[in-house]
Protein backbone atom coordinates (compact mmCIF):
# COMPACT_ATOMS: atom_id res chain seq x y z
CA UNK A 1 29.56 13.98 -228.53
CA UNK A 2 25.83 13.31 -228.90
CA UNK A 3 24.40 12.96 -232.41
CA UNK A 4 20.71 13.28 -233.24
CA UNK A 5 19.46 11.87 -236.52
CA UNK A 6 16.06 12.83 -237.95
CA UNK A 7 14.21 10.71 -240.48
CA UNK A 8 12.10 12.89 -242.77
CA UNK A 9 8.94 11.19 -244.08
CA UNK A 10 7.13 13.96 -245.97
CA UNK A 11 7.47 17.57 -247.01
CA UNK A 12 5.07 20.18 -245.64
CA UNK A 13 2.26 21.20 -247.96
CA UNK A 14 2.39 24.86 -246.93
CA UNK A 15 4.44 27.41 -245.08
CA UNK A 16 3.18 28.67 -241.76
CA UNK A 17 2.75 32.42 -241.74
CA UNK A 18 1.91 32.84 -238.05
CA UNK A 19 3.66 30.57 -235.53
CA UNK A 20 1.48 31.96 -232.74
CA UNK A 21 -1.89 31.14 -234.32
CA UNK A 22 -3.89 28.28 -232.81
CA UNK A 23 -7.47 27.12 -232.68
CA UNK A 24 -9.26 27.42 -229.35
CA UNK A 25 -7.85 24.72 -227.09
CA UNK A 26 -5.20 23.91 -229.69
CA UNK A 27 -1.47 24.34 -229.86
CA UNK A 28 0.40 26.94 -231.92
CA UNK A 29 3.55 26.07 -233.86
CA UNK A 30 5.59 28.16 -231.41
CA UNK A 31 4.15 26.02 -228.57
CA UNK A 32 5.02 22.87 -230.53
CA UNK A 33 8.52 24.24 -231.10
CA UNK A 34 9.08 24.98 -227.40
CA UNK A 35 7.78 21.57 -226.33
CA UNK A 36 9.99 19.81 -228.87
CA UNK A 37 13.11 21.73 -227.92
CA UNK A 38 12.54 20.86 -224.26
CA UNK A 39 12.13 17.18 -225.17
CA UNK A 40 15.29 17.23 -227.32
CA UNK A 41 17.31 18.82 -224.53
CA UNK A 42 16.08 16.13 -222.14
CA UNK A 43 17.05 13.38 -224.61
CA UNK A 44 20.49 14.91 -225.11
CA UNK A 45 20.98 15.09 -221.34
CA UNK A 46 19.72 11.55 -220.74
CA UNK A 47 21.67 9.94 -223.57
CA UNK A 48 24.80 12.10 -223.50
CA UNK A 49 27.51 10.61 -225.71
CA UNK A 50 25.07 8.26 -227.46
CA UNK A 51 23.54 8.33 -230.93
CA UNK A 52 19.84 9.15 -231.02
CA UNK A 53 17.47 8.35 -233.89
CA UNK A 54 14.11 10.12 -233.97
CA UNK A 55 11.16 9.48 -236.26
CA UNK A 56 8.64 12.31 -236.22
CA UNK A 57 6.15 14.48 -238.06
CA UNK A 58 7.37 17.17 -240.42
CA UNK A 59 5.97 19.87 -238.14
CA UNK A 60 8.60 18.90 -235.60
CA UNK A 61 11.36 19.07 -238.21
CA UNK A 62 10.29 22.43 -239.53
CA UNK A 63 9.71 24.12 -236.18
CA UNK A 64 12.89 22.91 -234.51
CA UNK A 65 15.96 25.01 -235.38
CA UNK A 66 19.08 23.37 -236.83
CA UNK A 67 17.28 20.09 -237.38
CA UNK A 68 19.05 19.04 -240.58
């Protein structure tokens, strides 16, 4: 079984009301979420059966489901 451990460094200062909002040329939280899920799935596949420790921004923690 693969285990992923997150290290939380800070709490978010606000809640995001619109995950699809983004500045021109920027990235929305839903885009961040999708990119992060794809990366996590790749890590799980690559390191199947291993423990994985990730250090990241809080936006990753709060946009990725079941991250605790």
